[in-house]
C-alpha atoms as a PDB file:
ATOM      1  CA  MET A   1     -13.462 131.826   4.416  1.00  0.00           C
ATOM      2  CA  LYS A   2     -12.626 134.623   1.988  1.00  0.00           C
ATOM      3  CA  ARG A   3     -13.043 133.785  -1.702  1.00  0.00           C
ATOM      4  CA  VAL A   4     -10.481 135.492  -3.917  1.00  0.00           C
ATOM      5  CA  TYR A   5     -10.082 133.197  -6.919  1.00  0.00           C
ATOM      6  CA  GLY A   6     -12.076 135.325  -9.368  1.00  0.00           C
ATOM      7  CA  VAL A   7     -10.104 138.440  -8.524  1.00  0.00           C
ATOM      8  CA  VAL A   8      -6.846 136.510  -8.691  1.00  0.00           C
ATOM      9  CA  LEU A   9      -7.463 135.233 -12.204  1.00  0.00           C
ATOM     10  CA  SER A  10      -8.400 138.737 -13.377  1.00  0.00           C
ATOM     11  CA  LEU A  11      -5.122 140.088 -11.979  1.00  0.00           C
ATOM     12  CA  VAL A  12      -3.110 137.281 -13.553  1.00  0.00           C
ATOM     13  CA  LEU A  13      -4.926 137.874 -16.819  1.00  0.00           C
ATOM     14  CA  ALA A  14      -4.192 141.604 -16.758  1.00  0.00           C
ATOM     15  CA  SER A  15      -0.511 140.853 -16.155  1.00  0.00           C
ATOM     16  CA  SER A  16      -0.516 138.422 -19.076  1.00  0.00           C
ATOM     17  CA  LEU A  17      -1.993 141.071 -21.342  1.00  0.00           C
ATOM     18  CA  MET A  18       0.785 143.505 -20.511  1.00  0.00           C
ATOM     19  CA  ALA A  19       3.412 140.816 -20.988  1.00  0.00           C
ATOM     20  CA  SER A  20       1.868 139.885 -24.338  1.00  0.00           C
ATOM     21  CA  GLU A  21       3.158 143.119 -25.854  1.00  0.00           C
ATOM     22  CA  GLN A  22       6.675 141.687 -25.592  1.00  0.00           C
ATOM     23  CA  PHE A  23       6.066 138.909 -28.097  1.00  0.00           C
ATOM     24  CA  ALA A  24       3.934 137.976 -31.062  1.00  0.00           C
ATOM     25  CA  MET A  25       0.333 137.074 -30.353  1.00  0.00           C
ATOM     26  CA  SER A  26      -2.322 136.182 -32.863  1.00  0.00           C
ATOM     27  CA  ASP A  27      -5.578 138.114 -33.076  1.00  0.00           C
ATOM     28  CA  ALA A  28      -7.410 134.935 -32.058  1.00  0.00           C
ATOM     29  CA  ASP A  29      -5.353 134.590 -28.878  1.00  0.00           C
ATOM     30  CA  ARG A  30      -5.849 138.242 -28.021  1.00  0.00           C
ATOM     31  CA  ALA A  31      -9.593 137.860 -28.516  1.00  0.00           C
ATOM     32  CA  LEU A  32      -9.573 134.896 -26.119  1.00  0.00           C
ATOM     33  CA  TYR A  33      -7.858 136.997 -23.465  1.00  0.00           C
ATOM     34  CA  GLU A  34     -10.431 139.742 -23.846  1.00  0.00           C
ATOM     35  CA  GLU A  35     -13.336 137.303 -23.713  1.00  0.00           C
ATOM     36  CA  LEU A  36     -12.021 135.732 -20.532  1.00  0.00           C
ATOM     37  CA  LEU A  37     -12.023 139.133 -18.855  1.00  0.00           C
ATOM     38  CA  GLU A  38     -15.807 139.100 -19.122  1.00  0.00           C
ATOM     39  CA  ASN A  39     -16.612 135.376 -19.095  1.00  0.00           C
ATOM     40  CA  ASN A  40     -14.242 133.385 -16.946  1.00  0.00           C
ATOM     41  CA  PRO A  41     -14.668 129.592 -17.354  1.00  0.00           C
ATOM     42  CA  ALA A  42     -12.254 128.873 -14.509  1.00  0.00           C
ATOM     43  CA  ASP A  43     -14.794 130.351 -12.078  1.00  0.00           C
ATOM     44  CA  MET A  44     -17.185 127.505 -12.894  1.00  0.00           C
ATOM     45  CA  ILE A  45     -14.465 124.892 -12.397  1.00  0.00           C
ATOM     46  CA  ILE A  46     -13.500 126.306  -9.014  1.00  0.00           C
ATOM     47  CA  ALA A  47     -17.160 126.649  -7.987  1.00  0.00           C
ATOM     48  CA  ASN A  48     -17.800 123.008  -8.854  1.00  0.00           C
ATOM     49  CA  GLY A  49     -14.779 122.041  -6.775  1.00  0.00           C
ATOM     50  CA  GLU A  50     -16.231 123.947  -3.844  1.00  0.00           C
ATOM     51  CA  GLU A  51     -19.475 121.985  -4.185  1.00  0.00           C
ATOM     52  CA  LEU A  52     -17.600 118.680  -4.310  1.00  0.00           C
ATOM     53  CA  LEU A  53     -15.683 119.511  -1.144  1.00  0.00           C
ATOM     54  CA  GLY A  54     -18.931 120.690   0.426  1.00  0.00           C
ATOM     55  CA  SER A  55     -20.461 117.268  -0.174  1.00  0.00           C
ATOM     56  CA  LEU A  56     -17.679 115.869   2.039  1.00  0.00           C
ATOM     57  CA  GLY A  57     -18.276 118.363   4.821  1.00  0.00           C
ATOM     58  CA  GLY A  58     -16.440 121.363   3.411  1.00  0.00           C
ATOM     59  CA  GLU A  59     -13.390 123.146   4.704  1.00  0.00           C
ATOM     60  CA  GLY A  60     -14.253 122.425   8.317  1.00  0.00           C
ATOM     61  CA  GLU A  61     -14.079 118.657   7.808  1.00  0.00           C
ATOM     62  CA  LEU A  62     -10.934 118.954   5.710  1.00  0.00           C
ATOM     63  CA  ALA A  63      -9.276 121.015   8.447  1.00  0.00           C
ATOM     64  CA  LYS A  64     -10.322 118.408  11.014  1.00  0.00           C
ATOM     65  CA  PHE A  65      -8.776 115.638   8.890  1.00  0.00           C
ATOM     66  CA  LEU A  66      -5.542 117.635   8.792  1.00  0.00           C
ATOM     67  CA  ALA A  67      -5.691 118.313  12.561  1.00  0.00           C
ATOM     68  CA  LEU A  68      -5.907 122.047  11.922  1.00  0.00           C
ATOM     69  CA  SER A  69      -8.192 124.913  12.741  1.00  0.00           C
ATOM     70  CA  GLU A  70     -10.064 126.212   9.705  1.00  0.00           C
ATOM     71  CA  ASP A  71      -8.194 129.511  10.018  1.00  0.00           C
ATOM     72  CA  ASP A  72      -4.872 127.680   9.628  1.00  0.00           C
ATOM     73  CA  LEU A  73      -5.952 125.782   6.518  1.00  0.00           C
ATOM     74  CA  PRO A  74      -4.815 128.326   3.851  1.00  0.00           C
ATOM     75  CA  LYS A  75      -1.254 128.542   5.156  1.00  0.00           C
ATOM     76  CA  TYR A  76      -1.060 124.750   5.435  1.00  0.00           C
ATOM     77  CA  ILE A  77      -2.284 124.297   1.852  1.00  0.00           C
ATOM     78  CA  ALA A  78       0.466 126.667   0.678  1.00  0.00           C
ATOM     79  CA  GLY A  79       3.028 124.146   1.966  1.00  0.00           C
ATOM     80  CA  PHE A  80       2.203 121.266  -0.394  1.00  0.00           C
ATOM     81  CA  PRO A  81       3.606 118.888  -1.472  1.00  0.00           C
ATOM     82  CA  ARG A  82       4.422 117.720   2.060  1.00  0.00           C
ATOM     83  CA  TYR A  83       5.055 114.547   4.033  1.00  0.00           C
ATOM     84  CA  MET A  84       1.950 113.278   5.815  1.00  0.00           C
ATOM     85  CA  LYS A  85       2.535 110.705   8.522  1.00  0.00           C
ATOM     86  CA  ASN A  86      -0.971 109.234   8.288  1.00  0.00           C
ATOM     87  CA  ILE A  87      -0.424 108.572   4.576  1.00  0.00           C
ATOM     88  CA  GLY A  88       3.209 107.535   4.940  1.00  0.00           C
ATOM     89  CA  SER A  89       4.648 109.491   2.022  1.00  0.00           C
ATOM     90  CA  VAL A  90       5.201 112.887   0.463  1.00  0.00           C
ATOM     91  CA  VAL A  91       1.965 113.799  -1.292  1.00  0.00           C
ATOM     92  CA  SER A  92       0.457 116.497  -3.464  1.00  0.00           C
ATOM     93  CA  ILE A  93      -2.887 118.125  -2.657  1.00  0.00           C
ATOM     94  CA  ASP A  94      -4.898 115.725  -4.797  1.00  0.00           C
ATOM     95  CA  GLN A  95      -3.325 112.689  -3.123  1.00  0.00           C
ATOM     96  CA  MET A  96      -4.130 114.215   0.269  1.00  0.00           C
ATOM     97  CA  LEU A  97      -7.724 114.638  -0.882  1.00  0.00           C
ATOM     98  CA  GLN A  98      -7.874 110.971  -1.878  1.00  0.00           C
ATOM     99  CA  ALA A  99      -6.927 110.026   1.682  1.00  0.00           C
ATOM    100  CA  PHE A 100      -9.495 112.497   3.028  1.00  0.00           C
ATOM    101  CA  MET A 101     -12.222 110.920   0.897  1.00  0.00           C
ATOM    102  CA  SER A 102     -11.308 107.462   2.184  1.00  0.00           C
ATOM    103  CA  THR A 103     -11.739 108.574   5.788  1.00  0.00           C
ATOM    104  CA  LYS A 104     -15.213 109.850   4.844  1.00  0.00           C
ATOM    105  CA  GLY A 105     -16.161 106.416   3.527  1.00  0.00           C
ATOM    106  CA  GLU A 106     -16.116 107.585  -0.083  1.00  0.00           C
ATOM    107  CA  LYS A 107     -14.339 106.015  -3.041  1.00  0.00           C
ATOM    108  CA  PRO A 108     -11.502 108.434  -3.848  1.00  0.00           C
ATOM    109  CA  TYR A 109     -11.597 110.225  -7.177  1.00  0.00           C
ATOM    110  CA  LYS A 110      -8.895 109.128  -9.590  1.00  0.00           C
ATOM    111  CA  LEU A 111      -6.062 111.612 -10.076  1.00  0.00           C
ATOM    112  CA  THR A 112      -7.010 111.807 -13.748  1.00  0.00           C
ATOM    113  CA  SER A 113     -10.696 112.500 -13.080  1.00  0.00           C
ATOM    114  CA  ARG A 114     -12.597 115.700 -13.751  1.00  0.00           C
ATOM    115  CA  GLU A 115     -13.871 115.690 -10.178  1.00  0.00           C
ATOM    116  CA  MET A 116     -10.406 115.558  -8.649  1.00  0.00           C
ATOM    117  CA  LEU A 117      -9.197 118.349 -10.913  1.00  0.00           C
ATOM    118  CA  ASP A 118     -12.070 120.580  -9.847  1.00  0.00           C
ATOM    119  CA  MET A 119     -11.847 119.807  -6.135  1.00  0.00           C
ATOM    120  CA  SER A 120      -8.066 120.023  -5.891  1.00  0.00           C
ATOM    121  CA  SER A 121      -8.111 123.306  -7.832  1.00  0.00           C
ATOM    122  CA  TYR A 122     -10.608 124.742  -5.374  1.00  0.00           C
ATOM    123  CA  VAL A 123      -8.674 123.528  -2.342  1.00  0.00           C
ATOM    124  CA  LYS A 124      -5.440 125.006  -3.654  1.00  0.00           C
ATOM    125  CA  SER A 125      -7.236 128.308  -4.292  1.00  0.00           C
ATOM    126  CA  LEU A 126      -7.952 128.488  -0.559  1.00  0.00           C
ATOM    127  CA  ALA A 127      -4.281 129.443  -0.171  1.00  0.00           C
ATOM    128  CA  ASN A 128      -4.552 132.469  -2.463  1.00  0.00           C
ATOM    129  CA  GLY A 129      -2.683 135.390  -0.954  1.00  0.00           C
ATOM    130  CA  GLU A 130      -0.462 133.099   1.110  1.00  0.00           C
ATOM    131  CA  GLU A 131       3.222 132.681   0.309  1.00  0.00           C
ATOM    132  CA  ILE A 132       4.465 129.247  -0.755  1.00  0.00           C
ATOM    133  CA  ASN A 133       6.014 127.804   2.401  1.00  0.00           C
ATOM    134  CA  ILE A 134       7.090 124.289   1.392  1.00  0.00           C
ATOM    135  CA  ASP A 135       9.708 122.999   3.848  1.00  0.00           C
ATOM    136  CA  ILE A 136      12.210 120.561   2.351  1.00  0.00           C
ATOM    137  CA  GLU A 137      14.115 120.456   5.648  1.00  0.00           C
ATOM    138  CA  ALA A 138      11.062 119.300   7.626  1.00  0.00           C
ATOM    139  CA  ASN A 139      12.133 115.641   7.624  1.00  0.00           C
ATOM    140  CA  GLU A 140      14.156 113.042   5.741  1.00  0.00           C
ATOM    141  CA  HIS A 141      11.192 112.255   3.498  1.00  0.00           C
ATOM    142  CA  MET A 142      11.078 115.817   2.185  1.00  0.00           C
ATOM    143  CA  LYS A 143      14.847 115.985   1.789  1.00  0.00           C
ATOM    144  CA  LYS A 144      14.817 112.815  -0.298  1.00  0.00           C
ATOM    145  CA  ALA A 145      11.851 114.010  -2.364  1.00  0.00           C
ATOM    146  CA  PHE A 146      13.617 117.290  -3.139  1.00  0.00           C
ATOM    147  CA  ALA A 147      16.810 115.473  -4.158  1.00  0.00           C
ATOM    148  CA  LEU A 148      14.862 113.115  -6.423  1.00  0.00           C
ATOM    149  CA  GLY A 149      12.891 116.004  -7.913  1.00  0.00           C
ATOM    150  CA  LYS A 150      16.100 117.881  -8.702  1.00  0.00           C
ATOM    151  CA  GLU A 151      17.464 114.755 -10.367  1.00  0.00           C
ATOM    152  CA  VAL A 152      14.326 114.359 -12.488  1.00  0.00           C
ATOM    153  CA  PHE A 153      14.451 118.071 -13.376  1.00  0.00           C
ATOM    154  CA  GLU A 154      18.071 117.958 -14.525  1.00  0.00           C
ATOM    155  CA  THR A 155      18.339 114.504 -16.122  1.00  0.00           C
ATOM    156  CA  ARG A 156      18.442 114.422 -19.921  1.00  0.00           C
ATOM    157  CA  ARG A 157      16.386 111.631 -21.442  1.00  0.00           C
ATOM    158  CA  GLY A 158      14.230 110.725 -24.422  1.00  0.00           C
ATOM    159  CA  LYS A 159      14.866 110.902 -28.162  1.00  0.00           C
ATOM    160  CA  ARG A 160      15.908 114.546 -28.018  1.00  0.00           C
ATOM    161  CA  GLY A 161      18.117 114.232 -24.956  1.00  0.00           C
ATOM    162  CA  LEU A 162      16.283 117.020 -23.160  1.00  0.00           C
ATOM    163  CA  SER A 163      15.657 117.777 -19.519  1.00  0.00           C
ATOM    164  CA  CYS A 164      13.362 120.257 -17.761  1.00  0.00           C
ATOM    165  CA  LEU A 165      16.479 122.336 -17.128  1.00  0.00           C
ATOM    166  CA  ASN A 166      16.981 122.876 -20.861  1.00  0.00           C
ATOM    167  CA  CYS A 167      13.963 125.186 -20.981  1.00  0.00           C
ATOM    168  CA  HIS A 168      14.088 126.512 -17.411  1.00  0.00           C
ATOM    169  CA  ASN A 169      17.531 127.900 -16.725  1.00  0.00           C
ATOM    170  CA  PRO A 170      18.776 131.510 -16.480  1.00  0.00           C
ATOM    171  CA  ASP A 171      20.329 131.404 -19.953  1.00  0.00           C
ATOM    172  CA  VAL A 172      17.019 130.846 -21.737  1.00  0.00           C
ATOM    173  CA  VAL A 173      14.401 132.447 -19.444  1.00  0.00           C
ATOM    174  CA  ASN A 174      12.127 134.741 -21.495  1.00  0.00           C
ATOM    175  CA  THR A 175      13.294 133.170 -24.752  1.00  0.00           C
ATOM    176  CA  ILE A 176      10.222 132.851 -26.977  1.00  0.00           C
ATOM    177  CA  LEU A 177       8.938 129.318 -27.543  1.00  0.00           C
ATOM    178  CA  ARG A 178       5.607 128.789 -29.325  1.00  0.00           C
ATOM    179  CA  THR A 179       4.759 132.519 -29.028  1.00  0.00           C
ATOM    180  CA  GLN A 180       5.341 132.779 -25.274  1.00  0.00           C
ATOM    181  CA  PRO A 181       8.339 133.451 -23.040  1.00  0.00           C
ATOM    182  CA  LEU A 182       9.867 130.504 -21.220  1.00  0.00           C
ATOM    183  CA  PRO A 183       9.080 131.201 -17.551  1.00  0.00           C
ATOM    184  CA  ASP A 184      11.453 131.595 -14.662  1.00  0.00           C
ATOM    185  CA  ILE A 185      10.393 128.963 -12.129  1.00  0.00           C
ATOM    186  CA  SER A 186      11.901 130.813  -9.186  1.00  0.00           C
ATOM    187  CA  ALA A 187      10.209 133.268  -6.839  1.00  0.00           C
ATOM    188  CA  LYS A 188      12.447 135.957  -8.306  1.00  0.00           C
ATOM    189  CA  GLY A 189      10.732 135.481 -11.653  1.00  0.00           C
ATOM    190  CA  ASN A 190       7.054 134.778 -12.289  1.00  0.00           C
ATOM    191  CA  ALA A 191       6.974 131.813  -9.880  1.00  0.00           C
ATOM    192  CA  SER A 192       5.053 129.411 -12.088  1.00  0.00           C
ATOM    193  CA  ALA A 193       4.333 126.987  -9.249  1.00  0.00           C
ATOM    194  CA  ALA A 194       2.224 129.647  -7.525  1.00  0.00           C
ATOM    195  CA  THR A 195      -0.214 129.831 -10.440  1.00  0.00           C
ATOM    196  CA  TRP A 196      -1.101 126.170 -11.046  1.00  0.00           C
ATOM    197  CA  PRO A 197      -3.698 124.705 -11.438  1.00  0.00           C
ATOM    198  CA  ALA A 198      -4.223 127.030 -14.350  1.00  0.00           C
ATOM    199  CA  TYR A 199      -6.733 127.491 -17.146  1.00  0.00           C
ATOM    200  CA  ARG A 200      -5.159 126.974 -20.580  1.00  0.00           C
ATOM    201  CA  MET A 201      -6.969 128.997 -23.202  1.00  0.00           C
ATOM    202  CA  THR A 202      -5.889 126.966 -26.205  1.00  0.00           C
ATOM    203  CA  MET A 203      -7.060 123.750 -24.551  1.00  0.00           C
ATOM    204  CA  SER A 204     -10.203 125.186 -22.916  1.00  0.00           C
ATOM    205  CA  ASN A 205      -9.582 123.434 -19.636  1.00  0.00           C
ATOM    206  CA  MET A 206      -7.848 123.578 -16.275  1.00  0.00           C
ATOM    207  CA  PHE A 207      -4.669 121.605 -15.651  1.00  0.00           C
ATOM    208  CA  THR A 208      -2.669 120.815 -12.521  1.00  0.00           C
ATOM    209  CA  LEU A 209       1.069 121.397 -12.295  1.00  0.00           C
ATOM    210  CA  GLN A 210       1.769 117.675 -12.664  1.00  0.00           C
ATOM    211  CA  GLU A 211      -0.431 117.536 -15.766  1.00  0.00           C
ATOM    212  CA  ARG A 212       1.561 120.445 -17.185  1.00  0.00           C
ATOM    213  CA  PHE A 213       4.750 118.505 -16.539  1.00  0.00           C
ATOM    214  CA  GLN A 214       3.259 115.627 -18.515  1.00  0.00           C
ATOM    215  CA  GLY A 215       2.459 117.958 -21.401  1.00  0.00           C
ATOM    216  CA  CYS A 216       6.063 119.172 -21.509  1.00  0.00           C
ATOM    217  CA  MET A 217       7.345 115.602 -21.414  1.00  0.00           C
ATOM    218  CA  ASN A 218       5.086 114.605 -24.262  1.00  0.00           C
ATOM    219  CA  ASN A 219       6.163 117.594 -26.385  1.00  0.00           C
ATOM    220  CA  ALA A 220       9.822 116.800 -25.733  1.00  0.00           C
ATOM    221  CA  LEU A 221       9.342 113.134 -26.732  1.00  0.00           C
ATOM    222  CA  LEU A 222      10.096 111.932 -23.196  1.00  0.00           C
ATOM    223  CA  ALA A 223       8.467 108.950 -21.538  1.00  0.00           C
ATOM    224  CA  VAL A 224       5.627 110.512 -19.548  1.00  0.00           C
ATOM    225  CA  ILE A 225       5.906 110.023 -15.777  1.00  0.00           C
ATOM    226  CA  PRO A 226       2.564 108.959 -14.216  1.00  0.00           C
ATOM    227  CA  LEU A 227       0.558 111.376 -12.088  1.00  0.00           C
ATOM    228  CA  GLY A 228       1.072 110.798  -8.376  1.00  0.00           C
ATOM    229  CA  SER A 229       4.165 108.645  -8.854  1.00  0.00           C
ATOM    230  CA  LYS A 230       7.126 109.083  -6.532  1.00  0.00           C
ATOM    231  CA  GLU A 231       9.085 110.786  -9.301  1.00  0.00           C
ATOM    232  CA  MET A 232       6.280 113.103 -10.365  1.00  0.00           C
ATOM    233  CA  THR A 233       5.496 114.224  -6.827  1.00  0.00           C
ATOM    234  CA  ALA A 234       9.209 114.758  -6.215  1.00  0.00           C
ATOM    235  CA  LEU A 235       9.392 116.931  -9.328  1.00  0.00           C
ATOM    236  CA  GLU A 236       6.530 119.015  -7.958  1.00  0.00           C
ATOM    237  CA  VAL A 237       8.418 119.330  -4.654  1.00  0.00           C
ATOM    238  CA  TYR A 238      11.509 120.645  -6.454  1.00  0.00           C
ATOM    239  CA  PHE A 239       9.571 122.957  -8.740  1.00  0.00           C
ATOM    240  CA  THR A 240       7.520 124.350  -5.850  1.00  0.00           C
ATOM    241  CA  HIS A 241      10.554 124.873  -3.632  1.00  0.00           C
ATOM    242  CA  GLU A 242      12.136 126.996  -6.355  1.00  0.00           C
ATOM    243  CA  ALA A 243       9.120 129.323  -6.050  1.00  0.00           C
ATOM    244  CA  LYS A 244       9.148 129.411  -2.237  1.00  0.00           C
ATOM    245  CA  GLY A 245       8.024 132.815  -0.997  1.00  0.00           C
ATOM    246  CA  ALA A 246       5.923 133.563  -4.079  1.00  0.00           C
ATOM    247  CA  THR A 247       2.285 134.484  -3.494  1.00  0.00           C
ATOM    248  CA  MET A 248      -0.313 131.880  -4.389  1.00  0.00           C
ATOM    249  CA  ALA A 249      -2.630 132.952  -7.215  1.00  0.00           C
ATOM    250  CA  VAL A 250      -4.877 130.091  -8.368  1.00  0.00           C
ATOM    251  CA  PRO A 251      -6.210 129.610 -10.962  1.00  0.00           C
ATOM    252  CA  GLY A 252      -3.552 130.995 -13.243  1.00  0.00           C
ATOM    253  CA  LEU A 253      -4.187 131.734 -16.890  1.00  0.00           C
ATOM    254  CA  LYS A 254      -1.944 130.302 -19.574  1.00  0.00           C
ATOM    255  CA  ARG A 255      -2.013 130.323 -23.323  1.00  0.00           C
END
């Protein structure tokens, strides 16, 4: 199967450099961007994820678990989160991988583990070049997940009375917050959902989309929703649907 993750991150990085001229950036941040052009730490994370999946039989075994041909795997991956009948719920890619590991007789990695981060990042990168094709009309489970995700996205809570919508609505998109523009989450903008998991320079690590949600919640003084919970997965469904049609480009690169 074609590997495109290194090229993808370079393209995302180049785009970020051009965008950086629109707002203030420290010399240290700029130096980090330039260093990552030559020495990309996300490549090692993705490569380790490939090895971890390989220890479970690789893409062929994963495709078999999903009742797919290996050629159909990238397009299928671009449709997560999705309802899986054999699991009985709407799941993200990492939750699907936990079920896959169980069928292989292995103890599933925890959602918070380094191993799951690496493997799920690699698996999502298999969809690079595919358009996000999440289908919220596929069944009642997806419809309910989307509705719950929209509710979580729009509900004000916490000490500051903030919601996700406060920072991700047309009135504030591209407003500068902490030296970077607030992103448009839709496919008409920069389609953030298409670029997570992403490598965050200032934290020297890769993070999933749900982990990024947790970071936002923490910064906004909101009670942090647990990874893999019904609410968190629903939020990912909503967020991803808003980027439907955007081209997958994992790993992304974020400040």
